[in-house]
PDB file of all heavy atoms in Angstrom:
ATOM      1  N   PRO A   1      13.110   6.686  25.666  1.00  0.00           N
ATOM      2  CA  PRO A   1      13.610   7.366  26.912  1.00  0.00           C
ATOM      3  C   PRO A   1      15.176   7.595  26.869  1.00  0.00           C
ATOM      4  O   PRO A   1      15.899   6.901  26.239  1.00  0.00           O
ATOM      5  CB  PRO A   1      13.291   6.297  27.980  1.00  0.00           C
ATOM      6  CG  PRO A   1      13.207   5.034  27.357  1.00  0.00           C
ATOM      7  CD  PRO A   1      12.739   5.232  25.910  1.00  0.00           C
ATOM      8  N   SER A   2      15.521   8.612  27.554  1.00  0.00           N
ATOM      9  CA  SER A   2      17.009   8.889  27.549  1.00  0.00           C
ATOM     10  C   SER A   2      17.679   7.760  28.214  1.00  0.00           C
ATOM     11  O   SER A   2      18.890   7.390  27.811  1.00  0.00           O
ATOM     12  CB  SER A   2      17.233  10.177  28.312  1.00  0.00           C
ATOM     13  OG  SER A   2      16.754  11.353  27.687  1.00  0.00           O
ATOM     14  N   ASP A   3      17.198   7.144  29.310  1.00  0.00           N
ATOM     15  CA  ASP A   3      17.703   6.021  30.012  1.00  0.00           C
ATOM     16  C   ASP A   3      16.884   4.826  29.619  1.00  0.00           C
ATOM     17  O   ASP A   3      15.828   4.550  30.364  1.00  0.00           O
ATOM     18  CB  ASP A   3      17.791   6.199  31.506  1.00  0.00           C
ATOM     19  CG  ASP A   3      18.754   7.427  31.752  1.00  0.00           C
ATOM     20  OD1 ASP A   3      19.898   7.460  31.226  1.00  0.00           O
ATOM     21  OD2 ASP A   3      18.378   8.290  32.627  1.00  0.00           O
ATOM     22  N   TRP A   4      17.211   4.118  28.701  1.00  0.00           N
ATOM     23  CA  TRP A   4      16.442   2.833  28.197  1.00  0.00           C
ATOM     24  C   TRP A   4      16.914   1.571  28.948  1.00  0.00           C
ATOM     25  O   TRP A   4      18.051   1.415  29.089  1.00  0.00           O
ATOM     26  CB  TRP A   4      16.579   2.646  26.690  1.00  0.00           C
ATOM     27  CG  TRP A   4      15.872   1.607  26.046  1.00  0.00           C
ATOM     28  CD1 TRP A   4      14.550   1.304  26.422  1.00  0.00           C
ATOM     29  CD2 TRP A   4      16.283   0.649  25.071  1.00  0.00           C
ATOM     30  NE1 TRP A   4      14.119   0.196  25.614  1.00  0.00           N
ATOM     31  CE2 TRP A   4      15.245  -0.128  24.797  1.00  0.00           C
ATOM     32  CE3 TRP A   4      17.529   0.548  24.403  1.00  0.00           C
ATOM     33  CZ2 TRP A   4      15.243  -1.177  23.779  1.00  0.00           C
ATOM     34  CZ3 TRP A   4      17.524  -0.494  23.426  1.00  0.00           C
ATOM     35  CH2 TRP A   4      16.451  -1.365  23.167  1.00  0.00           C
ATOM     36  N   ASN A   5      15.890   0.792  29.324  1.00  0.00           N
ATOM     37  CA  ASN A   5      16.171  -0.463  30.151  1.00  0.00           C
ATOM     38  C   ASN A   5      16.241  -1.595  29.255  1.00  0.00           C
ATOM     39  O   ASN A   5      16.324  -2.785  29.774  1.00  0.00           O
ATOM     40  CB  ASN A   5      15.247  -0.598  31.216  1.00  0.00           C
ATOM     41  CG  ASN A   5      13.748  -0.861  30.736  1.00  0.00           C
ATOM     42  OD1 ASN A   5      13.511  -1.203  29.586  1.00  0.00           O
ATOM     43  ND2 ASN A   5      12.793  -0.782  31.633  1.00  0.00           N
ATOM     44  N   GLY A   6      16.210  -1.452  27.934  1.00  0.00           N
ATOM     45  CA  GLY A   6      16.313  -2.519  26.963  1.00  0.00           C
ATOM     46  C   GLY A   6      14.882  -3.250  26.602  1.00  0.00           C
ATOM     47  O   GLY A   6      14.874  -4.197  25.942  1.00  0.00           O
ATOM     48  N   ARG A   7      13.792  -2.657  27.161  1.00  0.00           N
ATOM     49  CA  ARG A   7      12.499  -3.322  27.033  1.00  0.00           C
ATOM     50  C   ARG A   7      11.651  -2.288  26.187  1.00  0.00           C
ATOM     51  O   ARG A   7      11.824  -1.055  26.154  1.00  0.00           O
ATOM     52  CB  ARG A   7      11.766  -3.593  28.316  1.00  0.00           C
ATOM     53  CG  ARG A   7      12.627  -4.465  29.220  1.00  0.00           C
ATOM     54  CD  ARG A   7      11.830  -4.678  30.530  1.00  0.00           C
ATOM     55  NE  ARG A   7      12.474  -5.548  31.521  1.00  0.00           N
ATOM     56  CZ  ARG A   7      13.164  -5.084  32.524  1.00  0.00           C
ATOM     57  NH1 ARG A   7      13.424  -3.836  32.698  1.00  0.00           N
ATOM     58  NH2 ARG A   7      13.773  -5.889  33.317  1.00  0.00           N
ATOM     59  N   SER A   8      10.550  -2.841  25.660  1.00  0.00           N
ATOM     60  CA  SER A   8       9.495  -1.968  25.007  1.00  0.00           C
ATOM     61  C   SER A   8       8.082  -2.505  25.458  1.00  0.00           C
ATOM     62  O   SER A   8       7.859  -3.553  25.859  1.00  0.00           O
ATOM     63  CB  SER A   8       9.590  -2.142  23.497  1.00  0.00           C
ATOM     64  OG  SER A   8       9.174  -3.359  22.967  1.00  0.00           O
ATOM     65  N   LEU A   9       7.107  -1.556  25.422  1.00  0.00           N
ATOM     66  CA  LEU A   9       5.819  -1.759  25.808  1.00  0.00           C
ATOM     67  C   LEU A   9       4.873  -1.159  24.846  1.00  0.00           C
ATOM     68  O   LEU A   9       4.899   0.094  24.593  1.00  0.00           O
ATOM     69  CB  LEU A   9       5.524  -1.190  27.259  1.00  0.00           C
ATOM     70  CG  LEU A   9       4.080  -1.324  27.631  1.00  0.00           C
ATOM     71  CD1 LEU A   9       3.557  -2.704  27.760  1.00  0.00           C
ATOM     72  CD2 LEU A   9       3.831  -0.603  29.005  1.00  0.00           C
ATOM     73  N   GLN A  10       4.033  -2.023  24.144  1.00  0.00           N
ATOM     74  CA  GLN A  10       3.094  -1.452  23.159  1.00  0.00           C
ATOM     75  C   GLN A  10       1.711  -1.387  23.944  1.00  0.00           C
ATOM     76  O   GLN A  10       1.338  -2.246  24.621  1.00  0.00           O
ATOM     77  CB  GLN A  10       2.917  -2.392  21.954  1.00  0.00           C
ATOM     78  CG  GLN A  10       1.883  -1.807  20.881  1.00  0.00           C
ATOM     79  CD  GLN A  10       1.994  -2.585  19.566  1.00  0.00           C
ATOM     80  OE1 GLN A  10       2.799  -3.375  19.415  1.00  0.00           O
ATOM     81  NE2 GLN A  10       1.072  -2.338  18.752  1.00  0.00           N
ATOM     82  N   TYR A  11       1.053  -0.185  23.735  1.00  0.00           N
ATOM     83  CA  TYR A  11      -0.181   0.039  24.431  1.00  0.00           C
ATOM     84  C   TYR A  11      -1.297  -0.276  23.404  1.00  0.00           C
ATOM     85  O   TYR A  11      -1.279   0.052  22.305  1.00  0.00           O
ATOM     86  CB  TYR A  11      -0.437   1.475  24.777  1.00  0.00           C
ATOM     87  CG  TYR A  11       0.302   1.960  26.060  1.00  0.00           C
ATOM     88  CD1 TYR A  11       1.707   1.853  26.173  1.00  0.00           C
ATOM     89  CD2 TYR A  11      -0.332   2.601  27.004  1.00  0.00           C
ATOM     90  CE1 TYR A  11       2.377   2.283  27.285  1.00  0.00           C
ATOM     91  CE2 TYR A  11       0.323   3.079  28.223  1.00  0.00           C
ATOM     92  CZ  TYR A  11       1.683   2.965  28.314  1.00  0.00           C
ATOM     93  OH  TYR A  11       2.282   3.436  29.420  1.00  0.00           O
ATOM     94  N   GLY A  12      -2.371  -0.963  23.898  1.00  0.00           N
ATOM     95  CA  GLY A  12      -3.580  -1.179  23.112  1.00  0.00           C
ATOM     96  C   GLY A  12      -4.585   0.000  23.097  1.00  0.00           C
ATOM     97  O   GLY A  12      -4.320   1.038  23.816  1.00  0.00           O
ATOM     98  N   GLY A  13      -5.549  -0.001  22.299  1.00  0.00           N
ATOM     99  CA  GLY A  13      -6.515   1.072  22.200  1.00  0.00           C
ATOM    100  C   GLY A  13      -7.779   0.908  22.995  1.00  0.00           C
ATOM    101  O   GLY A  13      -7.785   0.215  23.953  1.00  0.00           O
ATOM    102  N   GLY A  14      -8.896   1.485  22.496  1.00  0.00           N
ATOM    103  CA  GLY A  14     -10.086   1.314  23.119  1.00  0.00           C
ATOM    104  C   GLY A  14     -11.389   1.656  22.193  1.00  0.00           C
ATOM    105  O   GLY A  14     -11.202   2.445  21.286  1.00  0.00           O
ATOM    106  N   GLY A  15     -12.514   1.113  22.597  1.00  0.00           N
ATOM    107  CA  GLY A  15     -13.676   1.442  21.752  1.00  0.00           C
ATOM    108  C   GLY A  15     -13.407   1.026  20.299  1.00  0.00           C
ATOM    109  O   GLY A  15     -13.081  -0.075  19.967  1.00  0.00           O
ATOM    110  N   PHE A  16     -13.771   1.930  19.435  1.00  0.00           N
ATOM    111  CA  PHE A  16     -13.394   1.685  17.956  1.00  0.00           C
ATOM    112  C   PHE A  16     -12.135   2.438  17.503  1.00  0.00           C
ATOM    113  O   PHE A  16     -11.929   2.604  16.386  1.00  0.00           O
ATOM    114  CB  PHE A  16     -14.626   2.271  17.101  1.00  0.00           C
ATOM    115  CG  PHE A  16     -15.827   1.322  17.110  1.00  0.00           C
ATOM    116  CD1 PHE A  16     -16.750   1.364  18.102  1.00  0.00           C
ATOM    117  CD2 PHE A  16     -15.844   0.308  16.241  1.00  0.00           C
ATOM    118  CE1 PHE A  16     -17.832   0.528  18.037  1.00  0.00           C
ATOM    119  CE2 PHE A  16     -16.974  -0.580  16.242  1.00  0.00           C
ATOM    120  CZ  PHE A  16     -17.953  -0.468  17.143  1.00  0.00           C
ATOM    121  N   ASN A  17     -11.337   2.805  18.626  1.00  0.00           N
ATOM    122  CA  ASN A  17     -10.049   3.509  18.276  1.00  0.00           C
ATOM    123  C   ASN A  17     -10.278   4.832  17.539  1.00  0.00           C
ATOM    124  O   ASN A  17     -11.279   5.437  17.803  1.00  0.00           O
ATOM    125  CB  ASN A  17      -9.105   2.533  17.633  1.00  0.00           C
ATOM    126  CG  ASN A  17      -8.478   1.452  18.502  1.00  0.00           C
ATOM    127  OD1 ASN A  17      -8.648   1.601  19.664  1.00  0.00           O
ATOM    128  ND2 ASN A  17      -8.159   0.357  17.989  1.00  0.00           N
ATOM    129  N   GLY A  18      -9.408   5.079  16.576  1.00  0.00           N
ATOM    130  CA  GLY A  18      -9.555   6.472  15.887  1.00  0.00           C
ATOM    131  C   GLY A  18      -8.885   7.575  16.625  1.00  0.00           C
ATOM    132  O   GLY A  18      -8.990   8.708  16.226  1.00  0.00           O
ATOM    133  N   VAL A  19      -8.284   7.247  17.776  1.00  0.00           N
ATOM    134  CA  VAL A  19      -7.516   8.253  18.499  1.00  0.00           C
ATOM    135  C   VAL A  19      -6.097   7.753  18.751  1.00  0.00           C
ATOM    136  O   VAL A  19      -5.885   6.522  19.106  1.00  0.00           O
ATOM    137  CB  VAL A  19      -8.140   8.485  19.900  1.00  0.00           C
ATOM    138  CG1 VAL A  19      -7.286   9.497  20.784  1.00  0.00           C
ATOM    139  CG2 VAL A  19      -9.539   9.034  19.723  1.00  0.00           C
ATOM    140  N   LEU A  20      -5.077   8.621  18.478  1.00  0.00           N
ATOM    141  CA  LEU A  20      -3.702   8.185  18.649  1.00  0.00           C
ATOM    142  C   LEU A  20      -3.427   7.797  20.168  1.00  0.00           C
ATOM    143  O   LEU A  20      -3.579   8.521  21.023  1.00  0.00           O
ATOM    144  CB  LEU A  20      -2.723   9.250  18.261  1.00  0.00           C
ATOM    145  CG  LEU A  20      -1.230   8.884  18.376  1.00  0.00           C
ATOM    146  CD1 LEU A  20      -0.775   7.602  17.446  1.00  0.00           C
ATOM    147  CD2 LEU A  20      -0.405  10.025  17.987  1.00  0.00           C
ATOM    148  N   ILE A  21      -2.995   6.545  20.326  1.00  0.00           N
ATOM    149  CA  ILE A  21      -2.545   6.053  21.676  1.00  0.00           C
ATOM    150  C   ILE A  21      -1.122   6.436  21.794  1.00  0.00           C
ATOM    151  O   ILE A  21      -0.228   5.945  21.057  1.00  0.00           O
ATOM    152  CB  ILE A  21      -2.701   4.573  21.760  1.00  0.00           C
ATOM    153  CG1 ILE A  21      -4.156   4.197  21.552  1.00  0.00           C
ATOM    154  CG2 ILE A  21      -2.293   4.125  23.203  1.00  0.00           C
ATOM    155  CD1 ILE A  21      -5.162   4.813  22.525  1.00  0.00           C
ATOM    156  N   THR A  22      -0.882   7.418  22.734  1.00  0.00           N
ATOM    157  CA  THR A  22       0.502   7.922  22.856  1.00  0.00           C
ATOM    158  C   THR A  22       1.540   7.152  23.586  1.00  0.00           C
ATOM    159  O   THR A  22       2.762   7.249  23.299  1.00  0.00           O
ATOM    160  CB  THR A  22       0.419   9.377  23.552  1.00  0.00           C
ATOM    161  OG1 THR A  22       0.059   9.115  24.955  1.00  0.00           O
ATOM    162  CG2 THR A  22      -0.575  10.219  22.903  1.00  0.00           C
ATOM    163  N   GLY A  23       1.102   6.198  24.439  1.00  0.00           N
ATOM    164  CA  GLY A  23       2.030   5.405  25.317  1.00  0.00           C
ATOM    165  C   GLY A  23       2.616   6.281  26.440  1.00  0.00           C
ATOM    166  O   GLY A  23       3.631   5.821  27.011  1.00  0.00           O
ATOM    167  N   LEU A  24       2.101   7.345  26.701  1.00  0.00           N
ATOM    168  CA  LEU A  24       2.615   8.226  27.720  1.00  0.00           C
ATOM    169  C   LEU A  24       1.860   8.111  29.043  1.00  0.00           C
ATOM    170  O   LEU A  24       2.331   8.602  30.097  1.00  0.00           O
ATOM    171  CB  LEU A  24       2.667   9.644  27.303  1.00  0.00           C
ATOM    172  CG  LEU A  24       3.408  10.113  26.075  1.00  0.00           C
ATOM    173  CD1 LEU A  24       3.237  11.558  25.721  1.00  0.00           C
ATOM    174  CD2 LEU A  24       4.876   9.797  26.331  1.00  0.00           C
ATOM    175  N   GLY A  25       0.718   7.552  29.054  1.00  0.00           N
ATOM    176  CA  GLY A  25      -0.158   7.400  30.365  1.00  0.00           C
ATOM    177  C   GLY A  25       0.158   6.164  31.034  1.00  0.00           C
ATOM    178  O   GLY A  25       1.111   5.439  30.789  1.00  0.00           O
ATOM    179  N   LEU A  26      -0.763   5.878  31.999  1.00  0.00           N
ATOM    180  CA  LEU A  26      -0.710   4.654  32.784  1.00  0.00           C
ATOM    181  C   LEU A  26      -1.273   3.498  31.962  1.00  0.00           C
ATOM    182  O   LEU A  26      -2.340   3.725  31.338  1.00  0.00           O
ATOM    183  CB  LEU A  26      -1.464   4.739  34.076  1.00  0.00           C
ATOM    184  CG  LEU A  26      -0.974   5.827  35.070  1.00  0.00           C
ATOM    185  CD1 LEU A  26      -1.796   5.858  36.317  1.00  0.00           C
ATOM    186  CD2 LEU A  26       0.556   5.759  35.391  1.00  0.00           C
ATOM    187  N   PRO A  27      -0.693   2.353  31.993  1.00  0.00           N
ATOM    188  CA  PRO A  27      -1.289   1.223  31.349  1.00  0.00           C
ATOM    189  C   PRO A  27      -2.504   0.712  32.145  1.00  0.00           C
ATOM    190  O   PRO A  27      -2.758   1.090  33.212  1.00  0.00           O
ATOM    191  CB  PRO A  27      -0.099   0.227  31.163  1.00  0.00           C
ATOM    192  CG  PRO A  27       0.783   0.572  32.393  1.00  0.00           C
ATOM    193  CD  PRO A  27       0.555   2.096  32.545  1.00  0.00           C
ATOM    194  N   PRO A  28      -3.180  -0.384  31.529  1.00  0.00           N
ATOM    195  CA  PRO A  28      -4.403  -0.905  32.222  1.00  0.00           C
ATOM    196  C   PRO A  28      -4.109  -1.355  33.625  1.00  0.00           C
ATOM    197  O   PRO A  28      -3.076  -2.046  33.897  1.00  0.00           O
ATOM    198  CB  PRO A  28      -4.956  -2.061  31.285  1.00  0.00           C
ATOM    199  CG  PRO A  28      -4.287  -1.699  29.986  1.00  0.00           C
ATOM    200  CD  PRO A  28      -2.958  -0.982  30.280  1.00  0.00           C
ATOM    201  N   ALA A  29      -4.973  -1.136  34.533  1.00  0.00           N
ATOM    202  CA  ALA A  29      -5.052  -1.548  35.899  1.00  0.00           C
ATOM    203  C   ALA A  29      -3.881  -1.110  36.790  1.00  0.00           C
ATOM    204  O   ALA A  29      -3.642  -1.676  37.845  1.00  0.00           O
ATOM    205  CB  ALA A  29      -5.048  -3.175  35.933  1.00  0.00           C
ATOM    206  N   TYR A  30      -3.184  -0.181  36.241  1.00  0.00           N
ATOM    207  CA  TYR A  30      -1.857   0.253  36.838  1.00  0.00           C
ATOM    208  C   TYR A  30      -2.090   1.143  38.135  1.00  0.00           C
ATOM    209  O   TYR A  30      -2.968   1.904  38.123  1.00  0.00           O
ATOM    210  CB  TYR A  30      -1.017   1.013  35.900  1.00  0.00           C
ATOM    211  CG  TYR A  30       0.422   1.092  36.017  1.00  0.00           C
ATOM    212  CD1 TYR A  30       1.227   0.003  35.797  1.00  0.00           C
ATOM    213  CD2 TYR A  30       1.036   2.338  36.381  1.00  0.00           C
ATOM    214  CE1 TYR A  30       2.604   0.138  35.878  1.00  0.00           C
ATOM    215  CE2 TYR A  30       2.325   2.417  36.499  1.00  0.00           C
ATOM    216  CZ  TYR A  30       3.207   1.334  36.301  1.00  0.00           C
ATOM    217  OH  TYR A  30       4.532   1.340  36.370  1.00  0.00           O
TER     218      TYR A  30
END
């Protein structure tokens, strides 16, 4: 991000994966 808060968040996958998880959507239960 242009304005970084000093933190990072890694997103997990789903099923058998095989699809790029972009990290642009909402995380679980959000």
